[in-house]
Amino acid sequence: GKLFIGNYCPNCGQKAEVERLSVTVLLKETAHFFSHFEKGFIHTAWNFIVRPGRASIDFLKGKRKQYQKPVSYFLILTGLYILLHNFIIHRYNYHYSLFRESKSPLDFQEQSNITLRTHFTPFIVIVILFSAVIIYPILARKRYNFVEILALCLYGGGTYFLILILSDIVLGAMFKVNVISMDVFIWQTSISSIYNLW
């Protein structure tokens, strides 16, 4: 690049002195991604749990500075959920087979449940896109564009993962309940439904 005086490049804002890439630098950047809460991460999480309607309207009206960006909010909570969920499953040795005593072949419902649980993240991304496609023409077409609705669906998906994180901590870690059992799946689905109606 160009030579300049100061701590940051006047054209792009990059720091003047950049660390050479190493394993340590990559680990720092990875930790930064999962721990870097932009100014509004806690504010966003709290408001989308407690006041999802108000938070959605504020965001759509342009009061965005106080909110975490929707894609990073979704990705951070998705990543945290995957890490925590898998940690709890392995830490407490939970297995899909714990809710089945019989050695008979799996029926369609049990196969579907296992498939959903093992491919949950791609499924939720499809659900978010499908939700935006359905919500846009029914509820929002005249007032908001599709991308705005997609952003709200990303906030909803991220908040759903936050609810799952809290559920896994309480049920799986504190009360030692198998978090991959059908009962917990029904519980989490019920909580999600109540949140969606909220």
Protein backbone atom coordinates (compact mmCIF):
# COMPACT_ATOMS: atom_id res chain seq x y z
CA GLY A 1 0.00 0.00 0.00
CA LYS A 2 0.51 3.66 0.32
CA LEU A 3 2.59 5.35 2.96
CA PHE A 4 0.77 7.52 5.48
CA ILE A 5 1.22 9.03 8.92
CA GLY A 6 -0.95 7.87 11.81
CA ASN A 7 -2.38 4.71 13.36
CA TYR A 8 -5.01 4.05 10.65
CA CYS A 9 -5.13 4.24 6.85
CA PRO A 10 -7.02 7.41 5.82
CA ASN A 11 -8.57 5.57 2.82
CA CYS A 12 -9.86 2.33 4.35
CA GLY A 13 -9.48 2.65 8.13
CA GLN A 14 -7.22 -0.40 8.55
CA LYS A 15 -4.68 -0.32 11.36
CA ALA A 16 -1.24 0.78 10.27
CA GLU A 17 0.48 -2.12 12.02
CA VAL A 18 -1.07 -5.49 11.28
CA GLU A 19 0.04 -8.70 12.96
CA ARG A 20 1.48 -11.37 10.72
CA LEU A 21 -0.91 -14.30 10.27
CA SER A 22 -0.26 -17.15 12.64
CA VAL A 23 -2.27 -19.79 14.50
CA THR A 24 -2.52 -17.39 17.44
CA VAL A 25 -3.87 -14.58 15.24
CA LEU A 26 -6.46 -16.92 13.66
CA LEU A 27 -7.54 -18.17 17.10
CA LYS A 28 -7.87 -14.56 18.29
CA GLU A 29 -10.01 -13.71 15.26
CA THR A 30 -12.20 -16.77 15.83
CA ALA A 31 -12.63 -15.90 19.50
CA HIS A 32 -13.34 -12.30 18.48
CA PHE A 33 -16.13 -13.46 16.13
CA PHE A 34 -17.89 -15.41 18.89
CA SER A 35 -17.21 -12.97 21.69
CA HIS A 36 -17.30 -9.60 19.93
CA PHE A 37 -20.58 -8.22 21.00
CA GLU A 38 -21.17 -5.13 18.97
CA LYS A 39 -22.61 -2.33 21.02
CA GLY A 40 -26.08 -3.78 20.86
CA PHE A 41 -25.72 -7.56 21.19
CA ILE A 42 -27.08 -7.82 24.74
CA HIS A 43 -29.60 -5.06 23.98
CA THR A 44 -30.74 -6.96 20.87
CA ALA A 45 -31.03 -10.31 22.64
CA TRP A 46 -32.93 -8.80 25.59
CA ASN A 47 -35.33 -6.82 23.43
CA PHE A 48 -36.07 -9.66 21.02
CA ILE A 49 -36.86 -11.92 24.00
CA VAL A 50 -38.89 -9.42 26.06
CA ARG A 51 -40.30 -7.03 23.43
CA PRO A 52 -39.98 -8.68 20.01
CA GLY A 53 -42.71 -6.53 18.42
CA ARG A 54 -41.25 -3.23 19.62
CA ALA A 55 -37.70 -4.29 18.70
CA SER A 56 -38.87 -5.29 15.20
CA ILE A 57 -40.68 -2.01 14.62
CA ASP A 58 -37.75 0.04 15.93
CA PHE A 59 -35.35 -1.82 13.65
CA LEU A 60 -37.59 -1.37 10.61
CA LYS A 61 -38.08 2.34 11.36
CA GLY A 62 -34.31 2.81 11.12
CA LYS A 63 -33.27 2.72 14.78
CA ARG A 64 -30.57 0.19 13.93
CA LYS A 65 -27.48 1.56 15.64
CA GLN A 66 -28.46 0.02 18.99
CA TYR A 67 -29.08 -3.45 17.49
CA GLN A 68 -26.64 -6.18 16.52
CA LYS A 69 -26.70 -6.76 12.76
CA PRO A 70 -29.20 -9.54 11.95
CA VAL A 71 -26.83 -11.90 10.12
CA SER A 72 -24.11 -11.75 12.79
CA TYR A 73 -26.74 -12.06 15.56
CA PHE A 74 -28.08 -15.22 13.90
CA LEU A 75 -24.62 -16.69 13.19
CA ILE A 76 -23.22 -15.98 16.67
CA LEU A 77 -26.20 -17.57 18.42
CA THR A 78 -26.28 -20.49 15.98
CA GLY A 79 -22.57 -21.13 16.58
CA LEU A 80 -22.92 -20.85 20.34
CA TYR A 81 -25.90 -23.21 20.29
CA ILE A 82 -24.07 -25.84 18.23
CA LEU A 83 -21.00 -25.67 20.49
CA LEU A 84 -22.98 -25.74 23.74
CA HIS A 85 -25.48 -28.37 22.61
CA ASN A 86 -22.74 -30.73 21.46
CA PHE A 87 -20.72 -30.06 24.63
CA ILE A 88 -23.72 -30.97 26.81
CA ILE A 89 -24.51 -34.09 24.74
CA HIS A 90 -20.92 -35.35 25.04
CA ARG A 91 -20.32 -34.14 28.61
CA TYR A 92 -23.36 -35.99 29.97
CA ASN A 93 -23.17 -38.85 27.46
CA TYR A 94 -26.66 -38.32 26.03
CA HIS A 95 -27.66 -40.48 23.07
CA TYR A 96 -30.59 -40.61 20.69
CA SER A 97 -31.14 -44.21 21.73
CA LEU A 98 -31.80 -43.23 25.37
CA PHE A 99 -35.47 -42.62 24.62
CA ARG A 100 -35.82 -46.01 22.89
CA GLU A 101 -35.73 -49.20 24.88
CA SER A 102 -36.83 -51.43 22.00
CA LYS A 103 -34.43 -52.77 19.37
CA SER A 104 -37.19 -52.88 16.73
CA PRO A 105 -36.73 -50.88 13.53
CA LEU A 106 -37.38 -47.15 13.77
CA ASP A 107 -40.78 -45.98 12.57
CA PHE A 108 -41.16 -42.97 10.26
CA GLN A 109 -41.71 -40.47 13.11
CA GLU A 110 -38.58 -41.62 14.98
CA GLN A 111 -36.51 -41.56 11.77
CA SER A 112 -37.79 -38.04 11.02
CA ASN A 113 -36.92 -36.85 14.54
CA ILE A 114 -33.36 -38.21 14.30
CA THR A 115 -32.91 -36.72 10.80
CA LEU A 116 -34.18 -33.34 11.99
CA ARG A 117 -31.91 -33.34 15.04
CA THR A 118 -28.82 -34.36 13.07
CA HIS A 119 -29.44 -31.80 10.29
CA PHE A 120 -30.96 -29.05 12.40
CA THR A 121 -28.96 -26.05 11.19
CA PRO A 122 -29.68 -26.48 7.45
CA PHE A 123 -33.30 -27.10 8.38
CA ILE A 124 -33.56 -23.87 10.39
CA VAL A 125 -31.99 -21.84 7.54
CA ILE A 126 -34.63 -23.27 5.17
CA VAL A 127 -37.34 -22.46 7.73
CA ILE A 128 -36.10 -18.86 8.02
CA LEU A 129 -36.14 -18.38 4.24
CA PHE A 130 -39.54 -20.07 3.94
CA SER A 131 -40.91 -17.93 6.79
CA ALA A 132 -39.78 -14.76 5.04
CA VAL A 133 -41.35 -15.94 1.77
CA ILE A 134 -44.67 -16.62 3.56
CA ILE A 135 -44.71 -13.56 5.85
CA TYR A 136 -43.81 -11.05 3.14
CA PRO A 137 -46.90 -11.36 0.90
CA ILE A 138 -49.34 -12.00 3.75
CA LEU A 139 -48.32 -9.43 6.35
CA ALA A 140 -45.77 -7.03 4.97
CA ARG A 141 -45.91 -6.50 1.23
CA LYS A 142 -47.33 -2.97 1.32
CA ARG A 143 -45.18 -1.66 4.16
CA TYR A 144 -41.85 -3.49 4.05
CA ASN A 145 -39.62 -5.06 1.45
CA PHE A 146 -38.59 -8.72 1.41
CA VAL A 147 -35.08 -8.11 2.78
CA GLU A 148 -36.49 -6.27 5.80
CA ILE A 149 -38.73 -9.26 6.55
CA LEU A 150 -35.79 -11.62 6.03
CA ALA A 151 -33.77 -9.57 8.55
CA LEU A 152 -36.58 -9.92 11.11
CA CYS A 153 -36.68 -13.67 10.45
CA LEU A 154 -32.92 -13.81 11.12
CA TYR A 155 -33.51 -12.03 14.43
CA GLY A 156 -36.27 -14.52 15.19
CA GLY A 157 -34.01 -17.45 14.28
CA GLY A 158 -31.19 -16.10 16.42
CA THR A 159 -33.55 -15.58 19.34
CA TYR A 160 -34.87 -19.12 18.85
CA PHE A 161 -31.29 -20.40 19.23
CA LEU A 162 -30.91 -18.26 22.36
CA ILE A 163 -34.03 -19.95 23.78
CA LEU A 164 -32.54 -23.36 22.90
CA ILE A 165 -29.27 -22.38 24.60
CA LEU A 166 -31.11 -21.44 27.79
CA SER A 167 -33.20 -24.62 27.61
CA ASP A 168 -30.12 -26.82 27.15
CA ILE A 169 -28.35 -25.14 30.07
CA VAL A 170 -31.32 -25.49 32.42
CA LEU A 171 -32.50 -28.95 31.37
CA GLY A 172 -29.30 -30.63 30.19
CA ALA A 173 -26.62 -29.17 32.44
CA MET A 174 -28.52 -28.22 35.59
CA PHE A 175 -31.22 -30.92 35.78
CA LYS A 176 -29.36 -33.63 33.79
CA VAL A 177 -32.27 -34.20 31.39
CA ASN A 178 -31.35 -35.79 28.06
CA VAL A 179 -31.56 -32.77 25.73
CA ILE A 180 -31.99 -34.96 22.66
CA SER A 181 -35.05 -36.80 23.95
CA MET A 182 -38.51 -36.49 22.43
CA ASP A 183 -39.81 -34.81 25.63
CA VAL A 184 -37.24 -32.01 25.39
CA PHE A 185 -37.95 -31.63 21.67
CA ILE A 186 -41.66 -31.19 22.46
CA TRP A 187 -40.80 -28.74 25.28
CA GLN A 188 -38.58 -26.65 23.00
CA THR A 189 -41.18 -26.70 20.23
CA SER A 190 -43.82 -25.51 22.72
CA ILE A 191 -41.60 -22.70 23.99
CA SER A 192 -40.85 -21.68 20.40
CA SER A 193 -44.56 -21.63 19.56
CA ILE A 194 -45.32 -19.47 22.59
CA TYR A 195 -42.49 -17.09 21.62
CA ASN A 196 -43.83 -16.84 18.05
CA LEU A 197 -47.29 -15.93 19.35
CA TRP A 198 -45.72 -13.37 21.72
